[in-house]
Amino acid sequence: MTTGDDELWLDEAAGLLVRPYAVTAGRTHPTVDLDMLSLVVAADGHPPVMDPEHAKALELCRKPTPVAEVAAHLRLPVVVTKVLISDLVDSQVMTAHAPRTAADPTDRALLEKLLDGLQRV
């Protein structure tokens, strides 16, 4: 089991000791329409008291950041990350913006760039 700055509970053999959906209290549907390429950014203001995962997501988004990148940094599934981000948007401490261009989900070059970016994390 490791602890530290990541606040992630891992076991070398078992993986995550806390299931991802425990982070969202079992919620699987975000209240805000987000896709993997939506850009999210922390808003000015004072955030309410929040869970560590919410706080880390907010800290990661000091500049516009794609949802997929936030998920990679948090080491959580994208759907779980979307629920966390929608909580922050609903609390008005984060804003979300649709991608500027419609991306073709079958565009191999785009998918390779996304994969390269996720692997750098």
PDB file of N, CA and C in Angstrom:
ATOM      1  N   MET A   1       0.860  -1.175   0.000  1.00  0.00           N
ATOM      2  CA  MET A   1       0.000   0.000   0.000  1.00  0.00           C
ATOM      3  C   MET A   1       0.900   1.229   0.000  1.00  0.00           C
ATOM      4  N   THR A   2       0.541   2.225  -0.808  1.00  0.00           N
ATOM      5  CA  THR A   2       1.320   3.448  -0.845  1.00  0.00           C
ATOM      6  C   THR A   2       0.458   4.605  -0.398  1.00  0.00           C
ATOM      7  N   THR A   3       1.094   5.552   0.214  1.00  0.00           N
ATOM      8  CA  THR A   3       0.421   6.796   0.579  1.00  0.00           C
ATOM      9  C   THR A   3       1.361   7.917   0.226  1.00  0.00           C
ATOM     10  N   GLY A   4       0.921   9.123   0.381  1.00  0.00           N
ATOM     11  CA  GLY A   4       1.783  10.252   0.075  1.00  0.00           C
ATOM     12  C   GLY A   4       0.986  11.343  -0.582  1.00  0.00           C
ATOM     13  N   ASP A   5       1.685  12.107  -1.426  1.00  0.00           N
ATOM     14  CA  ASP A   5       1.054  13.249  -2.066  1.00  0.00           C
ATOM     15  C   ASP A   5      -0.127  12.855  -2.933  1.00  0.00           C
ATOM     16  N   ASP A   6      -0.089  11.658  -3.514  1.00  0.00           N
ATOM     17  CA  ASP A   6      -1.170  11.228  -4.410  1.00  0.00           C
ATOM     18  C   ASP A   6      -2.447  10.883  -3.656  1.00  0.00           C
ATOM     19  N   GLU A   7      -2.337  10.549  -2.377  1.00  0.00           N
ATOM     20  CA  GLU A   7      -3.495  10.161  -1.579  1.00  0.00           C
ATOM     21  C   GLU A   7      -4.237   9.002  -2.240  1.00  0.00           C
ATOM     22  N   LEU A   8      -3.519   8.169  -2.992  1.00  0.00           N
ATOM     23  CA  LEU A   8      -4.118   7.020  -3.661  1.00  0.00           C
ATOM     24  C   LEU A   8      -3.787   5.783  -2.859  1.00  0.00           C
ATOM     25  N   TRP A   9      -4.755   4.970  -2.610  1.00  0.00           N
ATOM     26  CA  TRP A   9      -4.536   3.743  -1.866  1.00  0.00           C
ATOM     27  C   TRP A   9      -4.375   2.612  -2.854  1.00  0.00           C
ATOM     28  N   LEU A  10      -3.178   2.078  -2.923  1.00  0.00           N
ATOM     29  CA  LEU A  10      -2.888   1.015  -3.867  1.00  0.00           C
ATOM     30  C   LEU A  10      -2.286  -0.173  -3.147  1.00  0.00           C
ATOM     31  N   ASP A  11      -2.557  -1.326  -3.660  1.00  0.00           N
ATOM     32  CA  ASP A  11      -1.919  -2.550  -3.223  1.00  0.00           C
ATOM     33  C   ASP A  11      -1.283  -3.120  -4.471  1.00  0.00           C
ATOM     34  N   GLU A  12      -0.037  -3.514  -4.396  1.00  0.00           N
ATOM     35  CA  GLU A  12       0.686  -3.974  -5.586  1.00  0.00           C
ATOM     36  C   GLU A  12      -0.064  -5.098  -6.306  1.00  0.00           C
ATOM     37  N   ALA A  13      -0.666  -6.021  -5.576  1.00  0.00           N
ATOM     38  CA  ALA A  13      -1.352  -7.147  -6.198  1.00  0.00           C
ATOM     39  C   ALA A  13      -2.810  -6.845  -6.518  1.00  0.00           C
ATOM     40  N   ALA A  14      -3.479  -6.107  -5.638  1.00  0.00           N
ATOM     41  CA  ALA A  14      -4.926  -5.904  -5.782  1.00  0.00           C
ATOM     42  C   ALA A  14      -5.287  -4.656  -6.563  1.00  0.00           C
ATOM     43  N   GLY A  15      -4.394  -3.702  -6.659  1.00  0.00           N
ATOM     44  CA  GLY A  15      -4.719  -2.435  -7.336  1.00  0.00           C
ATOM     45  C   GLY A  15      -5.369  -1.472  -6.365  1.00  0.00           C
ATOM     46  N   LEU A  16      -6.312  -0.684  -6.879  1.00  0.00           N
ATOM     47  CA  LEU A  16      -7.005   0.287  -6.029  1.00  0.00           C
ATOM     48  C   LEU A  16      -7.746  -0.418  -4.906  1.00  0.00           C
ATOM     49  N   LEU A  17      -7.590   0.076  -3.695  1.00  0.00           N
ATOM     50  CA  LEU A  17      -8.292  -0.509  -2.567  1.00  0.00           C
ATOM     51  C   LEU A  17      -9.678   0.084  -2.391  1.00  0.00           C
ATOM     52  N   VAL A  18      -9.907   1.253  -2.941  1.00  0.00           N
ATOM     53  CA  VAL A  18     -11.226   1.882  -2.919  1.00  0.00           C
ATOM     54  C   VAL A  18     -11.742   1.880  -4.344  1.00  0.00           C
ATOM     55  N   ARG A  19     -12.882   1.293  -4.568  1.00  0.00           N
ATOM     56  CA  ARG A  19     -13.439   1.221  -5.912  1.00  0.00           C
ATOM     57  C   ARG A  19     -13.772   2.625  -6.407  1.00  0.00           C
ATOM     58  N   PRO A  20     -13.563   2.877  -7.698  1.00  0.00           N
ATOM     59  CA  PRO A  20     -13.781   4.224  -8.234  1.00  0.00           C
ATOM     60  C   PRO A  20     -15.167   4.799  -7.946  1.00  0.00           C
ATOM     61  N   TYR A  21     -16.200   3.979  -7.995  1.00  0.00           N
ATOM     62  CA  TYR A  21     -17.547   4.511  -7.801  1.00  0.00           C
ATOM     63  C   TYR A  21     -17.824   4.871  -6.343  1.00  0.00           C
ATOM     64  N   ALA A  22     -16.959   4.432  -5.431  1.00  0.00           N
ATOM     65  CA  ALA A  22     -17.090   4.871  -4.041  1.00  0.00           C
ATOM     66  C   ALA A  22     -16.786   6.366  -3.950  1.00  0.00           C
ATOM     67  N   VAL A  23     -15.955   6.859  -4.853  1.00  0.00           N
ATOM     68  CA  VAL A  23     -15.598   8.282  -4.881  1.00  0.00           C
ATOM     69  C   VAL A  23     -16.822   9.141  -5.177  1.00  0.00           C
ATOM     70  N   THR A  24     -17.749   8.621  -5.967  1.00  0.00           N
ATOM     71  CA  THR A  24     -18.944   9.385  -6.355  1.00  0.00           C
ATOM     72  C   THR A  24     -20.200   8.891  -5.646  1.00  0.00           C
ATOM     73  N   ALA A  25     -20.013   8.115  -4.598  1.00  0.00           N
ATOM     74  CA  ALA A  25     -21.146   7.546  -3.852  1.00  0.00           C
ATOM     75  C   ALA A  25     -22.076   6.749  -4.774  1.00  0.00           C
ATOM     76  N   GLY A  26     -21.482   6.078  -5.753  1.00  0.00           N
ATOM     77  CA  GLY A  26     -22.252   5.232  -6.650  1.00  0.00           C
ATOM     78  C   GLY A  26     -22.897   5.951  -7.821  1.00  0.00           C
ATOM     79  N   ARG A  27     -22.783   7.277  -7.878  1.00  0.00           N
ATOM     80  CA  ARG A  27     -23.383   8.011  -8.996  1.00  0.00           C
ATOM     81  C   ARG A  27     -22.597   7.747 -10.269  1.00  0.00           C
ATOM     82  N   THR A  28     -23.309   7.509 -11.357  1.00  0.00           N
ATOM     83  CA  THR A  28     -22.654   7.195 -12.631  1.00  0.00           C
ATOM     84  C   THR A  28     -23.022   8.162 -13.745  1.00  0.00           C
ATOM     85  N   HIS A  29     -23.899   9.121 -13.468  1.00  0.00           N
ATOM     86  CA  HIS A  29     -24.323  10.063 -14.503  1.00  0.00           C
ATOM     87  C   HIS A  29     -24.011  11.494 -14.068  1.00  0.00           C
ATOM     88  N   PRO A  30     -23.143  12.188 -14.833  1.00  0.00           N
ATOM     89  CA  PRO A  30     -22.872  13.585 -14.503  1.00  0.00           C
ATOM     90  C   PRO A  30     -24.096  14.451 -14.767  1.00  0.00           C
ATOM     91  N   THR A  31     -24.211  15.542 -14.041  1.00  0.00           N
ATOM     92  CA  THR A  31     -25.331  16.464 -14.235  1.00  0.00           C
ATOM     93  C   THR A  31     -25.041  17.475 -15.336  1.00  0.00           C
ATOM     94  N   VAL A  32     -23.813  17.500 -15.814  1.00  0.00           N
ATOM     95  CA  VAL A  32     -23.381  18.424 -16.866  1.00  0.00           C
ATOM     96  C   VAL A  32     -22.977  17.593 -18.076  1.00  0.00           C
ATOM     97  N   ASP A  33     -23.329  18.057 -19.276  1.00  0.00           N
ATOM     98  CA  ASP A  33     -22.980  17.350 -20.499  1.00  0.00           C
ATOM     99  C   ASP A  33     -21.503  17.583 -20.814  1.00  0.00           C
ATOM    100  N   LEU A  34     -20.702  16.542 -20.646  1.00  0.00           N
ATOM    101  CA  LEU A  34     -19.263  16.616 -20.885  1.00  0.00           C
ATOM    102  C   LEU A  34     -18.855  15.470 -21.794  1.00  0.00           C
ATOM    103  N   ASP A  35     -17.848  15.723 -22.633  1.00  0.00           N
ATOM    104  CA  ASP A  35     -17.229  14.600 -23.324  1.00  0.00           C
ATOM    105  C   ASP A  35     -15.747  14.610 -22.972  1.00  0.00           C
ATOM    106  N   MET A  36     -15.012  13.657 -23.477  1.00  0.00           N
ATOM    107  CA  MET A  36     -13.606  13.521 -23.087  1.00  0.00           C
ATOM    108  C   MET A  36     -12.755  14.718 -23.484  1.00  0.00           C
ATOM    109  N   LEU A  37     -13.175  15.434 -24.520  1.00  0.00           N
ATOM    110  CA  LEU A  37     -12.391  16.568 -24.997  1.00  0.00           C
ATOM    111  C   LEU A  37     -12.901  17.912 -24.474  1.00  0.00           C
ATOM    112  N   SER A  38     -13.947  17.899 -23.671  1.00  0.00           N
ATOM    113  CA  SER A  38     -14.439  19.150 -23.076  1.00  0.00           C
ATOM    114  C   SER A  38     -13.323  19.760 -22.233  1.00  0.00           C
ATOM    115  N   LEU A  39     -13.185  21.073 -22.324  1.00  0.00           N
ATOM    116  CA  LEU A  39     -12.178  21.762 -21.528  1.00  0.00           C
ATOM    117  C   LEU A  39     -12.813  22.251 -20.238  1.00  0.00           C
ATOM    118  N   VAL A  40     -12.150  22.003 -19.125  1.00  0.00           N
ATOM    119  CA  VAL A  40     -12.632  22.455 -17.831  1.00  0.00           C
ATOM    120  C   VAL A  40     -11.563  23.333 -17.197  1.00  0.00           C
ATOM    121  N   VAL A  41     -12.019  24.347 -16.469  1.00  0.00           N
ATOM    122  CA  VAL A  41     -11.084  25.272 -15.827  1.00  0.00           C
ATOM    123  C   VAL A  41     -11.679  25.741 -14.512  1.00  0.00           C
ATOM    124  N   ALA A  42     -10.810  25.877 -13.515  1.00  0.00           N
ATOM    125  CA  ALA A  42     -11.238  26.364 -12.209  1.00  0.00           C
ATOM    126  C   ALA A  42     -11.688  27.805 -12.346  1.00  0.00           C
ATOM    127  N   ALA A  43     -12.773  28.142 -11.685  1.00  0.00           N
ATOM    128  CA  ALA A  43     -13.288  29.513 -11.686  1.00  0.00           C
ATOM    129  C   ALA A  43     -12.712  30.261 -10.490  1.00  0.00           C
ATOM    130  N   ASP A  44     -12.759  31.567 -10.557  1.00  0.00           N
ATOM    131  CA  ASP A  44     -12.344  32.378  -9.415  1.00  0.00           C
ATOM    132  C   ASP A  44     -13.353  32.193  -8.296  1.00  0.00           C
ATOM    133  N   GLY A  45     -12.903  32.343  -7.113  1.00  0.00           N
ATOM    134  CA  GLY A  45     -13.812  32.225  -5.980  1.00  0.00           C
ATOM    135  C   GLY A  45     -13.288  31.236  -4.968  1.00  0.00           C
ATOM    136  N   HIS A  46     -14.024  31.103  -3.908  1.00  0.00           N
ATOM    137  CA  HIS A  46     -13.625  30.224  -2.823  1.00  0.00           C
ATOM    138  C   HIS A  46     -14.392  28.919  -2.904  1.00  0.00           C
ATOM    139  N   PRO A  47     -13.671  27.824  -3.071  1.00  0.00           N
ATOM    140  CA  PRO A  47     -14.358  26.535  -3.155  1.00  0.00           C
ATOM    141  C   PRO A  47     -14.921  26.133  -1.794  1.00  0.00           C
ATOM    142  N   PRO A  48     -16.028  25.402  -1.815  1.00  0.00           N
ATOM    143  CA  PRO A  48     -16.575  24.892  -0.565  1.00  0.00           C
ATOM    144  C   PRO A  48     -15.686  23.761  -0.038  1.00  0.00           C
ATOM    145  N   VAL A  49     -15.951  23.303   1.145  1.00  0.00           N
ATOM    146  CA  VAL A  49     -15.250  22.141   1.668  1.00  0.00           C
ATOM    147  C   VAL A  49     -15.583  20.969   0.758  1.00  0.00           C
ATOM    148  N   MET A  50     -14.564  20.246   0.320  1.00  0.00           N
ATOM    149  CA  MET A  50     -14.809  19.174  -0.634  1.00  0.00           C
ATOM    150  C   MET A  50     -13.935  17.971  -0.356  1.00  0.00           C
ATOM    151  N   ASP A  51     -14.300  16.868  -1.000  1.00  0.00           N
ATOM    152  CA  ASP A  51     -13.536  15.630  -0.893  1.00  0.00           C
ATOM    153  C   ASP A  51     -12.169  15.818  -1.538  1.00  0.00           C
ATOM    154  N   PRO A  52     -11.190  14.988  -1.172  1.00  0.00           N
ATOM    155  CA  PRO A  52      -9.849  15.116  -1.759  1.00  0.00           C
ATOM    156  C   PRO A  52      -9.838  15.000  -3.282  1.00  0.00           C
ATOM    157  N   GLU A  53     -10.680  14.133  -3.837  1.00  0.00           N
ATOM    158  CA  GLU A  53     -10.714  13.963  -5.300  1.00  0.00           C
ATOM    159  C   GLU A  53     -11.221  15.229  -5.986  1.00  0.00           C
ATOM    160  N   HIS A  54     -12.232  15.861  -5.407  1.00  0.00           N
ATOM    161  CA  HIS A  54     -12.730  17.118  -5.960  1.00  0.00           C
ATOM    162  C   HIS A  54     -11.641  18.193  -5.885  1.00  0.00           C
ATOM    163  N   ALA A  55     -10.967  18.268  -4.749  1.00  0.00           N
ATOM    164  CA  ALA A  55      -9.919  19.277  -4.567  1.00  0.00           C
ATOM    165  C   ALA A  55      -8.774  19.070  -5.557  1.00  0.00           C
ATOM    166  N   LYS A  56      -8.389  17.822  -5.773  1.00  0.00           N
ATOM    167  CA  LYS A  56      -7.304  17.547  -6.708  1.00  0.00           C
ATOM    168  C   LYS A  56      -7.722  17.891  -8.139  1.00  0.00           C
ATOM    169  N   ALA A  57      -8.955  17.553  -8.513  1.00  0.00           N
ATOM    170  CA  ALA A  57      -9.453  17.889  -9.852  1.00  0.00           C
ATOM    171  C   ALA A  57      -9.446  19.405 -10.044  1.00  0.00           C
ATOM    172  N   LEU A  58      -9.869  20.121  -9.025  1.00  0.00           N
ATOM    173  CA  LEU A  58      -9.896  21.583  -9.113  1.00  0.00           C
ATOM    174  C   LEU A  58      -8.474  22.138  -9.256  1.00  0.00           C
ATOM    175  N   GLU A  59      -7.533  21.589  -8.510  1.00  0.00           N
ATOM    176  CA  GLU A  59      -6.145  22.034  -8.583  1.00  0.00           C
ATOM    177  C   GLU A  59      -5.538  21.755  -9.959  1.00  0.00           C
ATOM    178  N   LEU A  60      -5.905  20.627 -10.568  1.00  0.00           N
ATOM    179  CA  LEU A  60      -5.383  20.274 -11.889  1.00  0.00           C
ATOM    180  C   LEU A  60      -5.867  21.216 -12.984  1.00  0.00           C
ATOM    181  N   CYS A  61      -6.961  21.921 -12.718  1.00  0.00           N
ATOM    182  CA  CYS A  61      -7.616  22.710 -13.762  1.00  0.00           C
ATOM    183  C   CYS A  61      -7.416  24.207 -13.589  1.00  0.00           C
ATOM    184  N   ARG A  62      -6.255  24.623 -13.144  1.00  0.00           N
ATOM    185  CA  ARG A  62      -5.961  26.060 -13.044  1.00  0.00           C
ATOM    186  C   ARG A  62      -5.893  26.694 -14.426  1.00  0.00           C
ATOM    187  N   LYS A  63      -5.608  25.890 -15.429  1.00  0.00           N
ATOM    188  CA  LYS A  63      -5.667  26.334 -16.823  1.00  0.00           C
ATOM    189  C   LYS A  63      -6.599  25.358 -17.538  1.00  0.00           C
ATOM    190  N   PRO A  64      -7.168  25.722 -18.681  1.00  0.00           N
ATOM    191  CA  PRO A  64      -8.092  24.818 -19.381  1.00  0.00           C
ATOM    192  C   PRO A  64      -7.453  23.444 -19.635  1.00  0.00           C
ATOM    193  N   THR A  65      -8.164  22.410 -19.219  1.00  0.00           N
ATOM    194  CA  THR A  65      -7.653  21.047 -19.288  1.00  0.00           C
ATOM    195  C   THR A  65      -8.749  20.124 -19.800  1.00  0.00           C
ATOM    196  N   PRO A  66      -8.448  19.235 -20.740  1.00  0.00           N
ATOM    197  CA  PRO A  66      -9.461  18.290 -21.219  1.00  0.00           C
ATOM    198  C   PRO A  66      -9.858  17.297 -20.119  1.00  0.00           C
ATOM    199  N   VAL A  67     -11.101  16.877 -20.147  1.00  0.00           N
ATOM    200  CA  VAL A  67     -11.617  15.916 -19.171  1.00  0.00           C
ATOM    201  C   VAL A  67     -10.764  14.652 -19.166  1.00  0.00           C
ATOM    202  N   ALA A  68     -10.356  14.170 -20.331  1.00  0.00           N
ATOM    203  CA  ALA A  68      -9.548  12.952 -20.411  1.00  0.00           C
ATOM    204  C   ALA A  68      -8.231  13.101 -19.655  1.00  0.00           C
ATOM    205  N   GLU A  69      -7.630  14.274 -19.717  1.00  0.00           N
ATOM    206  CA  GLU A  69      -6.367  14.505 -19.017  1.00  0.00           C
ATOM    207  C   GLU A  69      -6.580  14.538 -17.502  1.00  0.00           C
ATOM    208  N   VAL A  70      -7.677  15.139 -17.066  1.00  0.00           N
ATOM    209  CA  VAL A  70      -7.998  15.156 -15.636  1.00  0.00           C
ATOM    210  C   VAL A  70      -8.169  13.722 -15.142  1.00  0.00           C
ATOM    211  N   ALA A  71      -8.883  12.905 -15.909  1.00  0.00           N
ATOM    212  CA  ALA A  71      -9.089  11.497 -15.539  1.00  0.00           C
ATOM    213  C   ALA A  71      -7.761  10.758 -15.428  1.00  0.00           C
ATOM    214  N   ALA A  72      -6.853  11.027 -16.357  1.00  0.00           N
ATOM    215  CA  ALA A  72      -5.549  10.362 -16.334  1.00  0.00           C
ATOM    216  C   ALA A  72      -4.759  10.758 -15.086  1.00  0.00           C
ATOM    217  N   HIS A  73      -4.764  12.040 -14.760  1.00  0.00           N
ATOM    218  CA  HIS A  73      -4.041  12.504 -13.569  1.00  0.00           C
ATOM    219  C   HIS A  73      -4.653  11.941 -12.284  1.00  0.00           C
ATOM    220  N   LEU A  74      -5.970  11.842 -12.248  1.00  0.00           N
ATOM    221  CA  LEU A  74      -6.642  11.312 -11.057  1.00  0.00           C
ATOM    222  C   LEU A  74      -6.580   9.790 -10.992  1.00  0.00           C
ATOM    223  N   ARG A  75      -6.221   9.160 -12.120  1.00  0.00           N
ATOM    224  CA  ARG A  75      -6.201   7.699 -12.228  1.00  0.00           C
ATOM    225  C   ARG A  75      -7.581   7.108 -11.925  1.00  0.00           C
ATOM    226  N   LEU A  76      -8.583   7.740 -12.510  1.00  0.00           N
ATOM    227  CA  LEU A  76      -9.966   7.301 -12.361  1.00  0.00           C
ATOM    228  C   LEU A  76     -10.589   7.144 -13.740  1.00  0.00           C
ATOM    229  N   PRO A  77     -11.611   6.291 -13.870  1.00  0.00           N
ATOM    230  CA  PRO A  77     -12.316   6.186 -15.152  1.00  0.00           C
ATOM    231  C   PRO A  77     -12.911   7.539 -15.550  1.00  0.00           C
ATOM    232  N   VAL A  78     -13.033   7.756 -16.851  1.00  0.00           N
ATOM    233  CA  VAL A  78     -13.554   9.030 -17.352  1.00  0.00           C
ATOM    234  C   VAL A  78     -14.951   9.316 -16.802  1.00  0.00           C
ATOM    235  N   VAL A  79     -15.814   8.312 -16.728  1.00  0.00           N
ATOM    236  CA  VAL A  79     -17.185   8.558 -16.252  1.00  0.00           C
ATOM    237  C   VAL A  79     -17.178   9.015 -14.794  1.00  0.00           C
ATOM    238  N   VAL A  80     -16.294   8.476 -13.980  1.00  0.00           N
ATOM    239  CA  VAL A  80     -16.185   8.909 -12.580  1.00  0.00           C
ATOM    240  C   VAL A  80     -15.677  10.354 -12.536  1.00  0.00           C
ATOM    241  N   THR A  81     -14.693  10.648 -13.365  1.00  0.00           N
ATOM    242  CA  THR A  81     -14.151  12.008 -13.430  1.00  0.00           C
ATOM    243  C   THR A  81     -15.214  12.996 -13.891  1.00  0.00           C
ATOM    244  N   LYS A  82     -16.048  12.598 -14.842  1.00  0.00           N
ATOM    245  CA  LYS A  82     -17.128  13.478 -15.298  1.00  0.00           C
ATOM    246  C   LYS A  82     -18.091  13.805 -14.166  1.00  0.00           C
ATOM    247  N   VAL A  83     -18.388  12.835 -13.317  1.00  0.00           N
ATOM    248  CA  VAL A  83     -19.281  13.084 -12.172  1.00  0.00           C
ATOM    249  C   VAL A  83     -18.617  14.071 -11.213  1.00  0.00           C
ATOM    250  N   LEU A  84     -17.327  13.882 -10.931  1.00  0.00           N
ATOM    251  CA  LEU A  84     -16.613  14.808 -10.044  1.00  0.00           C
ATOM    252  C   LEU A  84     -16.605  16.223 -10.621  1.00  0.00           C
ATOM    253  N   ILE A  85     -16.319  16.326 -11.917  1.00  0.00           N
ATOM    254  CA  ILE A  85     -16.273  17.641 -12.557  1.00  0.00           C
ATOM    255  C   ILE A  85     -17.657  18.281 -12.563  1.00  0.00           C
ATOM    256  N   SER A  86     -18.688  17.498 -12.818  1.00  0.00           N
ATOM    257  CA  SER A  86     -20.039  18.079 -12.822  1.00  0.00           C
ATOM    258  C   SER A  86     -20.406  18.595 -11.430  1.00  0.00           C
ATOM    259  N   ASP A  87     -19.939  17.923 -10.374  1.00  0.00           N
ATOM    260  CA  ASP A  87     -20.150  18.433  -9.015  1.00  0.00           C
ATOM    261  C   ASP A  87     -19.514  19.816  -8.860  1.00  0.00           C
ATOM    262  N   LEU A  88     -18.305  19.955  -9.392  1.00  0.00           N
ATOM    263  CA  LEU A  88     -17.587  21.234  -9.287  1.00  0.00           C
ATOM    264  C   LEU A  88     -18.255  22.324 -10.128  1.00  0.00           C
ATOM    265  N   VAL A  89     -18.749  21.957 -11.298  1.00  0.00           N
ATOM    266  CA  VAL A  89     -19.470  22.925 -12.137  1.00  0.00           C
ATOM    267  C   VAL A  89     -20.757  23.353 -11.444  1.00  0.00           C
ATOM    268  N   ASP A  90     -21.478  22.381 -10.873  1.00  0.00           N
ATOM    269  CA  ASP A  90     -22.719  22.689 -10.147  1.00  0.00           C
ATOM    270  C   ASP A  90     -22.452  23.603  -8.946  1.00  0.00           C
ATOM    271  N   SER A  91     -21.267  23.481  -8.340  1.00  0.00           N
ATOM    272  CA  SER A  91     -20.893  24.334  -7.202  1.00  0.00           C
ATOM    273  C   SER A  91     -20.341  25.682  -7.651  1.00  0.00           C
ATOM    274  N   GLN A  92     -20.248  25.873  -8.954  1.00  0.00           N
ATOM    275  CA  GLN A  92     -19.779  27.110  -9.574  1.00  0.00           C
ATOM    276  C   GLN A  92     -18.325  27.438  -9.247  1.00  0.00           C
ATOM    277  N   VAL A  93     -17.517  26.402  -9.013  1.00  0.00           N
ATOM    278  CA  VAL A  93     -16.086  26.611  -8.801  1.00  0.00           C
ATOM    279  C   VAL A  93     -15.277  26.138 -10.007  1.00  0.00           C
ATOM    280  N   MET A  94     -15.990  25.636 -11.038  1.00  0.00           N
ATOM    281  CA  MET A  94     -15.346  25.200 -12.269  1.00  0.00           C
ATOM    282  C   MET A  94     -16.303  25.465 -13.421  1.00  0.00           C
ATOM    283  N   THR A  95     -15.729  25.759 -14.578  1.00  0.00           N
ATOM    284  CA  THR A  95     -16.546  25.922 -15.777  1.00  0.00           C
ATOM    285  C   THR A  95     -16.118  24.872 -16.803  1.00  0.00           C
ATOM    286  N   ALA A  96     -17.054  24.509 -17.651  1.00  0.00           N
ATOM    287  CA  ALA A  96     -16.794  23.511 -18.693  1.00  0.00           C
ATOM    288  C   ALA A  96     -17.175  24.099 -20.036  1.00  0.00           C
ATOM    289  N   HIS A  97     -16.369  23.798 -21.038  1.00  0.00           N
ATOM    290  CA  HIS A  97     -16.600  24.302 -22.385  1.00  0.00           C
ATOM    291  C   HIS A  97     -16.494  23.150 -23.369  1.00  0.00           C
ATOM    292  N   ALA A  98     -17.426  23.097 -24.294  1.00  0.00           N
ATOM    293  CA  ALA A  98     -17.406  22.057 -25.322  1.00  0.00           C
ATOM    294  C   ALA A  98     -16.159  22.231 -26.179  1.00  0.00           C
ATOM    295  N   PRO A  99     -15.662  21.161 -26.759  1.00  0.00           N
ATOM    296  CA  PRO A  99     -14.513  21.286 -27.655  1.00  0.00           C
ATOM    297  C   PRO A  99     -14.835  22.252 -28.793  1.00  0.00           C
ATOM    298  N   ARG A 100     -13.832  22.949 -29.263  1.00  0.00           N
ATOM    299  CA  ARG A 100     -14.049  23.965 -30.304  1.00  0.00           C
ATOM    300  C   ARG A 100     -14.423  23.360 -31.646  1.00  0.00           C
ATOM    301  N   THR A 101     -13.936  22.184 -31.926  1.00  0.00           N
ATOM    302  CA  THR A 101     -14.280  21.540 -33.193  1.00  0.00           C
ATOM    303  C   THR A 101     -14.865  20.171 -32.896  1.00  0.00           C
ATOM    304  N   ALA A 102     -15.721  19.760 -33.778  1.00  0.00           N
ATOM    305  CA  ALA A 102     -16.287  18.424 -33.633  1.00  0.00           C
ATOM    306  C   ALA A 102     -15.215  17.420 -34.033  1.00  0.00           C
ATOM    307  N   ALA A 103     -14.862  16.558 -33.115  1.00  0.00           N
ATOM    308  CA  ALA A 103     -13.828  15.567 -33.383  1.00  0.00           C
ATOM    309  C   ALA A 103     -14.462  14.289 -33.916  1.00  0.00           C
ATOM    310  N   ASP A 104     -13.819  13.717 -34.888  1.00  0.00           N
ATOM    311  CA  ASP A 104     -14.259  12.429 -35.421  1.00  0.00           C
ATOM    312  C   ASP A 104     -13.709  11.346 -34.503  1.00  0.00           C
ATOM    313  N   PRO A 105     -14.576  10.618 -33.807  1.00  0.00           N
ATOM    314  CA  PRO A 105     -14.087   9.621 -32.853  1.00  0.00           C
ATOM    315  C   PRO A 105     -13.348   8.458 -33.501  1.00  0.00           C
ATOM    316  N   THR A 106     -13.352   8.394 -34.835  1.00  0.00           N
ATOM    317  CA  THR A 106     -12.614   7.330 -35.526  1.00  0.00           C
ATOM    318  C   THR A 106     -11.339   7.861 -36.177  1.00  0.00           C
ATOM    319  N   ASP A 107     -10.999   9.138 -35.957  1.00  0.00           N
ATOM    320  CA  ASP A 107      -9.803   9.740 -36.539  1.00  0.00           C
ATOM    321  C   ASP A 107      -8.563   9.170 -35.855  1.00  0.00           C
ATOM    322  N   ARG A 108      -7.836   8.330 -36.576  1.00  0.00           N
ATOM    323  CA  ARG A 108      -6.681   7.636 -36.005  1.00  0.00           C
ATOM    324  C   ARG A 108      -5.615   8.613 -35.495  1.00  0.00           C
ATOM    325  N   ALA A 109      -5.327   9.664 -36.237  1.00  0.00           N
ATOM    326  CA  ALA A 109      -4.302  10.627 -35.819  1.00  0.00           C
ATOM    327  C   ALA A 109      -4.696  11.292 -34.501  1.00  0.00           C
ATOM    328  N   LEU A 110      -5.965  11.680 -34.379  1.00  0.00           N
ATOM    329  CA  LEU A 110      -6.441  12.304 -33.145  1.00  0.00           C
ATOM    330  C   LEU A 110      -6.350  11.323 -31.972  1.00  0.00           C
ATOM    331  N   LEU A 111      -6.760  10.082 -32.198  1.00  0.00           N
ATOM    332  CA  LEU A 111      -6.701   9.077 -31.137  1.00  0.00           C
ATOM    333  C   LEU A 111      -5.259   8.802 -30.707  1.00  0.00           C
ATOM    334  N   GLU A 112      -4.326   8.807 -31.644  1.00  0.00           N
ATOM    335  CA  GLU A 112      -2.919   8.596 -31.306  1.00  0.00           C
ATOM    336  C   GLU A 112      -2.379   9.768 -30.488  1.00  0.00           C
ATOM    337  N   LYS A 113      -2.772  10.999 -30.835  1.00  0.00           N
ATOM    338  CA  LYS A 113      -2.350  12.160 -30.050  1.00  0.00           C
ATOM    339  C   LYS A 113      -2.906  12.087 -28.628  1.00  0.00           C
ATOM    340  N   LEU A 114      -4.162  11.693 -28.512  1.00  0.00           N
ATOM    341  CA  LEU A 114      -4.789  11.555 -27.201  1.00  0.00           C
ATOM    342  C   LEU A 114      -4.053  10.484 -26.387  1.00  0.00           C
ATOM    343  N   LEU A 115      -3.755   9.366 -26.996  1.00  0.00           N
ATOM    344  CA  LEU A 115      -3.054   8.291 -26.310  1.00  0.00           C
ATOM    345  C   LEU A 115      -1.647   8.741 -25.887  1.00  0.00           C
ATOM    346  N   ASP A 116      -0.947   9.448 -26.779  1.00  0.00           N
ATOM    347  CA  ASP A 116       0.387   9.950 -26.442  1.00  0.00           C
ATOM    348  C   ASP A 116       0.321  10.894 -25.236  1.00  0.00           C
ATOM    349  N   GLY A 117      -0.673  11.774 -25.231  1.00  0.00           N
ATOM    350  CA  GLY A 117      -0.824  12.703 -24.117  1.00  0.00           C
ATOM    351  C   GLY A 117      -1.130  11.993 -22.816  1.00  0.00           C
ATOM    352  N   LEU A 118      -1.973  10.982 -22.872  1.00  0.00           N
ATOM    353  CA  LEU A 118      -2.308  10.231 -21.665  1.00  0.00           C
ATOM    354  C   LEU A 118      -1.127   9.432 -21.151  1.00  0.00           C
ATOM    355  N   GLN A 119      -0.296   8.934 -22.055  1.00  0.00           N
ATOM    356  CA  GLN A 119       0.871   8.143 -21.639  1.00  0.00           C
ATOM    357  C   GLN A 119       1.951   9.021 -21.017  1.00  0.00           C
ATOM    358  N   ARG A 120       1.987  10.302 -21.366  1.00  0.00           N
ATOM    359  CA  ARG A 120       2.972  11.211 -20.783  1.00  0.00           C
ATOM    360  C   ARG A 120       2.665  11.543 -19.338  1.00  0.00           C
ATOM    361  N   VAL A 121       1.422  11.312 -18.925  1.00  0.00           N
ATOM    362  CA  VAL A 121       0.994  11.673 -17.563  1.00  0.00           C
ATOM    363  C   VAL A 121       1.623  10.789 -16.556  1.00  0.00           C
TER     364      VAL A 121
END
